[in-house]
N, C-alpha and C. Protein backbone atom coordinates (compact mmCIF):
# COMPACT_ATOMS: atom_id res chain seq x y z
N MET A 1 48.16 -1.60 12.44
CA MET A 1 49.61 -1.48 12.35
C MET A 1 50.08 -0.42 13.34
N GLU A 2 51.09 -0.72 14.09
CA GLU A 2 51.65 0.23 15.04
C GLU A 2 52.40 1.33 14.31
N LEU A 3 52.32 2.53 14.85
CA LEU A 3 53.01 3.65 14.22
C LEU A 3 54.52 3.43 14.15
N ALA A 4 55.07 2.73 15.12
CA ALA A 4 56.51 2.48 15.12
C ALA A 4 56.93 1.64 13.93
N GLU A 5 55.98 0.89 13.33
CA GLU A 5 56.31 0.03 12.20
C GLU A 5 56.35 0.78 10.86
N PHE A 6 55.85 2.01 10.84
CA PHE A 6 55.79 2.77 9.60
C PHE A 6 57.16 3.25 9.15
N HIS A 7 57.33 3.22 7.86
CA HIS A 7 58.47 3.88 7.23
C HIS A 7 57.84 5.04 6.47
N TYR A 8 58.34 6.23 6.69
CA TYR A 8 57.72 7.40 6.11
C TYR A 8 58.31 7.72 4.75
N GLY A 9 57.49 8.29 3.90
CA GLY A 9 57.93 8.65 2.55
C GLY A 9 59.03 9.70 2.61
N ALA A 10 60.09 9.46 1.87
CA ALA A 10 61.22 10.39 1.85
C ALA A 10 60.75 11.75 1.36
N PHE A 11 61.29 12.80 1.95
CA PHE A 11 60.89 14.16 1.60
C PHE A 11 61.08 14.43 0.12
N TRP A 12 62.19 13.98 -0.46
CA TRP A 12 62.44 14.27 -1.88
C TRP A 12 61.40 13.59 -2.77
N ARG A 13 60.93 12.40 -2.39
CA ARG A 13 59.88 11.72 -3.16
C ARG A 13 58.57 12.51 -3.11
N ARG A 14 58.26 13.01 -1.92
CA ARG A 14 57.04 13.79 -1.75
C ARG A 14 57.13 15.09 -2.53
N ALA A 15 58.28 15.75 -2.49
CA ALA A 15 58.47 17.03 -3.19
C ALA A 15 58.38 16.84 -4.70
N VAL A 16 59.03 15.81 -5.22
CA VAL A 16 58.98 15.56 -6.67
C VAL A 16 57.56 15.17 -7.07
N GLY A 17 56.88 14.38 -6.26
CA GLY A 17 55.48 14.03 -6.53
C GLY A 17 54.60 15.27 -6.59
N PHE A 18 54.84 16.21 -5.68
CA PHE A 18 54.09 17.47 -5.67
C PHE A 18 54.35 18.26 -6.95
N LEU A 19 55.60 18.31 -7.39
CA LEU A 19 55.93 19.03 -8.63
C LEU A 19 55.28 18.37 -9.85
N ILE A 20 55.31 17.05 -9.89
CA ILE A 20 54.67 16.32 -10.99
C ILE A 20 53.17 16.64 -11.01
N ASP A 21 52.54 16.60 -9.84
CA ASP A 21 51.11 16.90 -9.76
C ASP A 21 50.82 18.35 -10.14
N SER A 22 51.69 19.26 -9.76
CA SER A 22 51.48 20.67 -10.11
C SER A 22 51.48 20.87 -11.62
N VAL A 23 52.40 20.24 -12.30
CA VAL A 23 52.42 20.30 -13.77
C VAL A 23 51.18 19.58 -14.31
N GLY A 24 50.85 18.46 -13.72
CA GLY A 24 49.68 17.69 -14.14
C GLY A 24 48.39 18.48 -14.02
N TYR A 25 48.24 19.23 -12.90
CA TYR A 25 47.05 20.07 -12.72
C TYR A 25 46.88 21.00 -13.92
N ALA A 26 47.96 21.72 -14.20
CA ALA A 26 47.90 22.76 -15.23
C ALA A 26 47.63 22.16 -16.62
N VAL A 27 48.37 21.12 -16.97
CA VAL A 27 48.21 20.51 -18.30
C VAL A 27 46.81 19.92 -18.45
N LEU A 28 46.37 19.16 -17.48
CA LEU A 28 45.06 18.53 -17.56
C LEU A 28 43.94 19.58 -17.58
N PHE A 29 44.08 20.62 -16.79
CA PHE A 29 43.08 21.69 -16.76
C PHE A 29 42.94 22.35 -18.13
N VAL A 30 44.06 22.70 -18.75
CA VAL A 30 44.03 23.33 -20.07
C VAL A 30 43.47 22.37 -21.11
N LEU A 31 43.87 21.09 -21.05
CA LEU A 31 43.33 20.11 -21.99
C LEU A 31 41.82 19.96 -21.84
N LEU A 32 41.35 19.87 -20.60
CA LEU A 32 39.92 19.73 -20.37
C LEU A 32 39.15 20.97 -20.85
N LEU A 33 39.72 22.13 -20.59
CA LEU A 33 39.07 23.35 -21.08
C LEU A 33 38.99 23.35 -22.60
N ASN A 34 40.07 22.93 -23.25
CA ASN A 34 40.08 22.89 -24.71
C ASN A 34 39.09 21.88 -25.27
N VAL A 35 38.95 20.75 -24.60
CA VAL A 35 38.02 19.72 -25.07
C VAL A 35 36.58 20.17 -24.88
N PHE A 36 36.26 20.68 -23.67
CA PHE A 36 34.88 21.01 -23.37
C PHE A 36 34.45 22.41 -23.80
N SER A 37 35.40 23.32 -23.90
CA SER A 37 35.02 24.68 -24.28
C SER A 37 36.19 25.41 -24.92
N PRO A 38 36.52 25.08 -26.17
CA PRO A 38 37.63 25.77 -26.83
C PRO A 38 37.40 27.28 -26.93
N GLN A 39 36.14 27.70 -27.07
CA GLN A 39 35.86 29.13 -27.16
C GLN A 39 36.20 29.83 -25.85
N PHE A 40 35.94 29.14 -24.72
CA PHE A 40 36.25 29.72 -23.41
C PHE A 40 37.75 29.98 -23.29
N VAL A 41 38.55 29.03 -23.75
CA VAL A 41 40.00 29.18 -23.68
C VAL A 41 40.46 30.33 -24.56
N MET A 42 39.90 30.43 -25.75
CA MET A 42 40.28 31.51 -26.66
C MET A 42 39.92 32.88 -26.07
N VAL A 43 38.73 32.98 -25.51
CA VAL A 43 38.29 34.25 -24.94
C VAL A 43 39.10 34.57 -23.69
N ALA A 44 39.36 33.55 -22.84
CA ALA A 44 40.11 33.78 -21.61
C ALA A 44 41.55 34.17 -21.89
N ALA A 45 42.11 33.69 -23.00
CA ALA A 45 43.50 34.03 -23.35
C ALA A 45 43.59 35.45 -23.88
N ASP A 46 42.49 36.02 -24.31
CA ASP A 46 42.46 37.39 -24.81
C ASP A 46 42.60 38.34 -23.62
N THR A 47 43.67 39.11 -23.59
CA THR A 47 43.94 39.98 -22.45
C THR A 47 42.91 41.09 -22.29
N SER A 48 42.15 41.37 -23.34
CA SER A 48 41.16 42.44 -23.23
C SER A 48 39.86 41.95 -22.59
N ASP A 49 39.68 40.64 -22.46
CA ASP A 49 38.45 40.11 -21.89
C ASP A 49 38.50 40.21 -20.37
N GLN A 50 37.59 40.95 -19.80
CA GLN A 50 37.56 41.13 -18.35
C GLN A 50 36.43 40.36 -17.68
N VAL A 51 35.62 39.63 -18.46
CA VAL A 51 34.50 38.90 -17.89
C VAL A 51 34.89 37.48 -17.51
N LEU A 52 35.52 36.74 -18.43
CA LEU A 52 35.83 35.34 -18.17
C LEU A 52 37.15 35.13 -17.42
N LYS A 53 38.08 36.04 -17.57
CA LYS A 53 39.38 35.87 -16.90
C LYS A 53 39.27 35.64 -15.39
N PRO A 54 38.44 36.40 -14.66
CA PRO A 54 38.35 36.18 -13.21
C PRO A 54 37.81 34.81 -12.83
N ILE A 55 37.16 34.12 -13.74
CA ILE A 55 36.60 32.80 -13.45
C ILE A 55 37.67 31.72 -13.48
N LEU A 56 38.73 31.92 -14.26
CA LEU A 56 39.76 30.88 -14.43
C LEU A 56 40.46 30.51 -13.13
N GLY A 57 40.84 31.49 -12.33
CA GLY A 57 41.54 31.21 -11.07
C GLY A 57 40.73 30.32 -10.14
N PRO A 58 39.51 30.74 -9.79
CA PRO A 58 38.69 29.90 -8.91
C PRO A 58 38.37 28.53 -9.53
N LEU A 59 38.14 28.49 -10.83
CA LEU A 59 37.85 27.23 -11.50
C LEU A 59 39.06 26.29 -11.41
N PHE A 60 40.25 26.83 -11.60
CA PHE A 60 41.47 26.04 -11.49
C PHE A 60 41.67 25.54 -10.06
N PHE A 61 41.37 26.40 -9.09
CA PHE A 61 41.52 26.03 -7.69
C PHE A 61 40.59 24.88 -7.33
N VAL A 62 39.34 24.94 -7.77
CA VAL A 62 38.37 23.85 -7.54
C VAL A 62 38.86 22.58 -8.23
N PHE A 63 39.41 22.72 -9.43
CA PHE A 63 39.94 21.57 -10.15
C PHE A 63 41.09 20.92 -9.35
N MET A 64 42.01 21.73 -8.82
CA MET A 64 43.12 21.19 -8.03
C MET A 64 42.59 20.44 -6.81
N TRP A 65 41.60 21.01 -6.12
CA TRP A 65 41.03 20.37 -4.93
C TRP A 65 40.44 19.01 -5.30
N LEU A 66 39.61 18.97 -6.34
CA LEU A 66 38.98 17.71 -6.73
C LEU A 66 40.01 16.69 -7.19
N TYR A 67 40.99 17.13 -7.97
CA TYR A 67 42.07 16.26 -8.44
C TYR A 67 42.76 15.60 -7.25
N SER A 68 43.16 16.41 -6.27
CA SER A 68 43.87 15.90 -5.10
C SER A 68 42.99 15.02 -4.23
N ALA A 69 41.83 15.51 -3.88
CA ALA A 69 40.97 14.78 -2.94
C ALA A 69 40.46 13.47 -3.53
N ILE A 70 40.10 13.47 -4.79
CA ILE A 70 39.60 12.24 -5.41
C ILE A 70 40.71 11.19 -5.51
N TRP A 71 41.88 11.59 -5.98
CA TRP A 71 42.98 10.63 -6.11
C TRP A 71 43.44 10.10 -4.75
N GLU A 72 43.63 11.00 -3.77
CA GLU A 72 44.17 10.57 -2.48
C GLU A 72 43.18 9.74 -1.67
N SER A 73 41.89 9.91 -1.92
CA SER A 73 40.89 9.10 -1.21
C SER A 73 40.49 7.85 -2.01
N SER A 74 41.08 7.68 -3.18
CA SER A 74 40.78 6.50 -4.00
C SER A 74 41.49 5.27 -3.44
N ARG A 75 41.20 4.13 -4.01
CA ARG A 75 41.88 2.89 -3.58
C ARG A 75 43.37 2.96 -3.84
N LEU A 76 43.78 3.75 -4.80
CA LEU A 76 45.20 3.94 -5.10
C LEU A 76 45.90 4.69 -3.97
N GLN A 77 45.17 5.55 -3.26
CA GLN A 77 45.67 6.33 -2.12
C GLN A 77 46.78 7.30 -2.53
N ALA A 78 46.81 7.69 -3.77
CA ALA A 78 47.87 8.58 -4.23
C ALA A 78 47.44 9.31 -5.50
N SER A 79 47.89 10.53 -5.62
CA SER A 79 47.72 11.25 -6.87
C SER A 79 48.74 10.65 -7.86
N PRO A 80 48.61 10.95 -9.14
CA PRO A 80 49.58 10.40 -10.10
C PRO A 80 51.04 10.71 -9.75
N GLY A 81 51.31 11.91 -9.27
CA GLY A 81 52.69 12.26 -8.89
C GLY A 81 53.19 11.41 -7.73
N LYS A 82 52.36 11.22 -6.72
CA LYS A 82 52.76 10.37 -5.59
C LYS A 82 52.92 8.92 -6.04
N TRP A 83 51.99 8.48 -6.89
CA TRP A 83 52.07 7.10 -7.40
C TRP A 83 53.38 6.88 -8.15
N LEU A 84 53.75 7.82 -9.02
CA LEU A 84 55.01 7.69 -9.76
C LEU A 84 56.22 7.68 -8.82
N MET A 85 56.12 8.40 -7.71
CA MET A 85 57.22 8.46 -6.75
C MET A 85 57.11 7.37 -5.68
N GLN A 86 56.15 6.48 -5.84
CA GLN A 86 55.95 5.31 -4.99
C GLN A 86 55.70 5.66 -3.52
N VAL A 87 54.83 6.66 -3.31
CA VAL A 87 54.35 6.96 -1.97
C VAL A 87 52.83 7.07 -2.02
N LYS A 88 52.19 6.89 -0.86
CA LYS A 88 50.74 7.00 -0.79
C LYS A 88 50.36 7.71 0.50
N VAL A 89 49.11 8.17 0.55
CA VAL A 89 48.60 8.89 1.71
C VAL A 89 47.69 7.95 2.50
N THR A 90 47.93 7.89 3.81
CA THR A 90 47.11 7.07 4.70
C THR A 90 46.69 7.90 5.90
N ASP A 91 45.75 7.37 6.69
CA ASP A 91 45.50 8.00 7.98
C ASP A 91 46.61 7.55 8.92
N ILE A 92 46.57 8.00 10.15
CA ILE A 92 47.69 7.67 11.05
C ILE A 92 47.73 6.21 11.46
N SER A 93 46.69 5.45 11.11
CA SER A 93 46.69 4.01 11.37
C SER A 93 47.07 3.20 10.14
N GLY A 94 47.34 3.88 9.04
CA GLY A 94 47.73 3.18 7.82
C GLY A 94 46.58 2.82 6.90
N ASN A 95 45.40 3.35 7.17
CA ASN A 95 44.22 3.03 6.36
C ASN A 95 43.97 4.07 5.28
N GLN A 96 43.16 3.70 4.30
CA GLN A 96 42.75 4.61 3.24
C GLN A 96 42.00 5.79 3.86
N ILE A 97 42.22 7.00 3.33
CA ILE A 97 41.55 8.18 3.86
C ILE A 97 40.26 8.46 3.10
N SER A 98 39.37 9.17 3.75
CA SER A 98 38.10 9.54 3.12
C SER A 98 38.30 10.77 2.24
N PHE A 99 37.30 11.03 1.41
CA PHE A 99 37.32 12.23 0.57
C PHE A 99 37.44 13.48 1.44
N TRP A 100 36.74 13.50 2.58
CA TRP A 100 36.75 14.70 3.44
C TRP A 100 38.09 14.86 4.15
N ARG A 101 38.74 13.78 4.49
CA ARG A 101 40.07 13.90 5.08
C ARG A 101 41.06 14.38 4.01
N ALA A 102 40.89 13.88 2.80
CA ALA A 102 41.74 14.35 1.69
C ALA A 102 41.48 15.83 1.42
N THR A 103 40.23 16.25 1.59
CA THR A 103 39.90 17.67 1.44
C THR A 103 40.59 18.50 2.52
N ALA A 104 40.56 18.03 3.76
CA ALA A 104 41.26 18.73 4.85
C ALA A 104 42.75 18.80 4.56
N ARG A 105 43.30 17.74 4.01
CA ARG A 105 44.72 17.72 3.65
C ARG A 105 45.01 18.75 2.56
N PHE A 106 44.12 18.84 1.57
CA PHE A 106 44.30 19.83 0.50
C PHE A 106 44.29 21.25 1.07
N TRP A 107 43.30 21.57 1.90
CA TRP A 107 43.24 22.92 2.47
C TRP A 107 44.42 23.19 3.39
N GLY A 108 44.84 22.17 4.13
CA GLY A 108 46.04 22.32 4.95
C GLY A 108 47.27 22.58 4.09
N LYS A 109 47.31 21.95 2.92
CA LYS A 109 48.44 22.16 2.00
C LYS A 109 48.44 23.60 1.49
N GLN A 110 47.26 24.17 1.29
CA GLN A 110 47.20 25.57 0.86
C GLN A 110 47.76 26.47 1.96
N LEU A 111 47.46 26.14 3.21
CA LEU A 111 48.03 26.89 4.34
C LEU A 111 49.54 26.70 4.38
N SER A 112 50.01 25.47 4.17
CA SER A 112 51.45 25.21 4.13
C SER A 112 52.13 26.04 3.04
N LEU A 113 51.48 26.13 1.88
CA LEU A 113 52.02 26.93 0.78
C LEU A 113 52.05 28.41 1.14
N LEU A 114 50.99 28.86 1.81
CA LEU A 114 50.87 30.26 2.16
C LEU A 114 51.96 30.69 3.13
N ILE A 115 52.23 29.86 4.13
CA ILE A 115 53.23 30.24 5.14
C ILE A 115 54.60 29.60 4.88
N VAL A 116 54.72 28.82 3.85
CA VAL A 116 55.96 28.17 3.39
C VAL A 116 56.58 27.23 4.43
N VAL A 117 56.68 27.66 5.68
CA VAL A 117 57.33 26.82 6.69
C VAL A 117 56.58 25.52 6.95
N GLY A 118 55.33 25.43 6.52
CA GLY A 118 54.57 24.20 6.71
C GLY A 118 55.23 23.01 6.05
N PHE A 119 55.98 23.26 4.99
CA PHE A 119 56.68 22.18 4.30
C PHE A 119 57.98 21.79 5.00
N CYS A 120 58.41 22.56 5.99
CA CYS A 120 59.63 22.24 6.75
C CYS A 120 59.33 21.31 7.93
N PHE A 121 58.06 21.18 8.30
CA PHE A 121 57.67 20.37 9.44
C PHE A 121 58.20 18.94 9.40
N PRO A 122 58.27 18.28 8.22
CA PRO A 122 58.76 16.89 8.23
C PRO A 122 60.16 16.73 8.81
N PHE A 123 60.94 17.78 8.78
CA PHE A 123 62.30 17.70 9.31
C PHE A 123 62.32 17.73 10.84
N PHE A 124 61.18 18.12 11.44
CA PHE A 124 61.15 18.31 12.88
C PHE A 124 60.08 17.50 13.60
N THR A 125 59.28 16.73 12.87
CA THR A 125 58.23 15.95 13.52
C THR A 125 58.59 14.47 13.51
N ARG A 126 58.17 13.78 14.54
CA ARG A 126 58.51 12.37 14.72
C ARG A 126 58.02 11.52 13.55
N ARG A 127 56.83 11.82 13.06
CA ARG A 127 56.24 11.02 11.99
C ARG A 127 56.52 11.60 10.60
N LYS A 128 57.40 12.58 10.52
CA LYS A 128 57.78 13.21 9.24
C LYS A 128 56.58 13.82 8.53
N GLN A 129 55.69 14.45 9.31
CA GLN A 129 54.48 15.04 8.75
C GLN A 129 54.67 16.53 8.48
N ALA A 130 54.22 16.96 7.29
CA ALA A 130 54.16 18.38 6.99
C ALA A 130 52.96 18.95 7.73
N LEU A 131 52.83 20.27 7.76
CA LEU A 131 51.73 20.90 8.47
C LEU A 131 50.38 20.37 7.99
N HIS A 132 50.21 20.22 6.68
CA HIS A 132 48.92 19.74 6.16
C HIS A 132 48.64 18.30 6.58
N ASP A 133 49.68 17.49 6.78
CA ASP A 133 49.47 16.13 7.27
C ASP A 133 49.12 16.14 8.76
N LEU A 134 49.68 17.06 9.51
CA LEU A 134 49.31 17.19 10.92
C LEU A 134 47.86 17.62 11.05
N ILE A 135 47.44 18.58 10.22
CA ILE A 135 46.06 19.08 10.25
C ILE A 135 45.08 17.96 9.93
N ALA A 136 45.36 17.20 8.87
CA ALA A 136 44.43 16.16 8.41
C ALA A 136 44.66 14.82 9.11
N ARG A 137 45.69 14.74 9.93
CA ARG A 137 46.04 13.48 10.62
C ARG A 137 46.30 12.38 9.60
N THR A 138 47.22 12.69 8.67
CA THR A 138 47.58 11.75 7.63
C THR A 138 49.09 11.53 7.63
N LEU A 139 49.49 10.46 6.95
CA LEU A 139 50.90 10.14 6.75
C LEU A 139 51.13 9.89 5.28
N VAL A 140 52.33 10.18 4.83
CA VAL A 140 52.73 9.80 3.48
C VAL A 140 53.79 8.72 3.65
N VAL A 141 53.46 7.53 3.15
CA VAL A 141 54.31 6.37 3.35
C VAL A 141 54.66 5.74 2.01
N PRO A 142 55.75 4.99 1.95
CA PRO A 142 56.09 4.31 0.69
C PRO A 142 55.05 3.24 0.36
N THR A 143 54.84 3.02 -0.94
CA THR A 143 53.98 1.90 -1.34
C THR A 143 54.80 0.64 -1.20
N LYS A 144 54.12 -0.47 -1.03
CA LYS A 144 54.86 -1.74 -0.85
C LYS A 144 54.75 -2.60 -2.06
């Protein structure tokens, strides 16, 4: 498919999908922790515990990475938030992306979050790509 034929996912759809996924990360992470280790959650919630608390941040970060990379590299080509907003992630030729490209997109998104302006790129790039999409060479397009 030629790039000129692409219709790019509207920024508001992408932003709402990101917010849905952000809530989804947190809710699913807490639910999984409660199912697999209720004692861990109880101890981690205790403000006096200094051993397990430092593990939660990195564990959550790994969870976010796997959640994003697995969903975006799946046949669905979208995380639940993107799917609900009817957009999907493709490579620049319109094909399904690999787990490693989805991983590059995730890390690029962390950079976009860190410098904030990375999310403004879609307003200034021909293909409406945010910084993380430029890094991973991906597009967010509407589902058909």
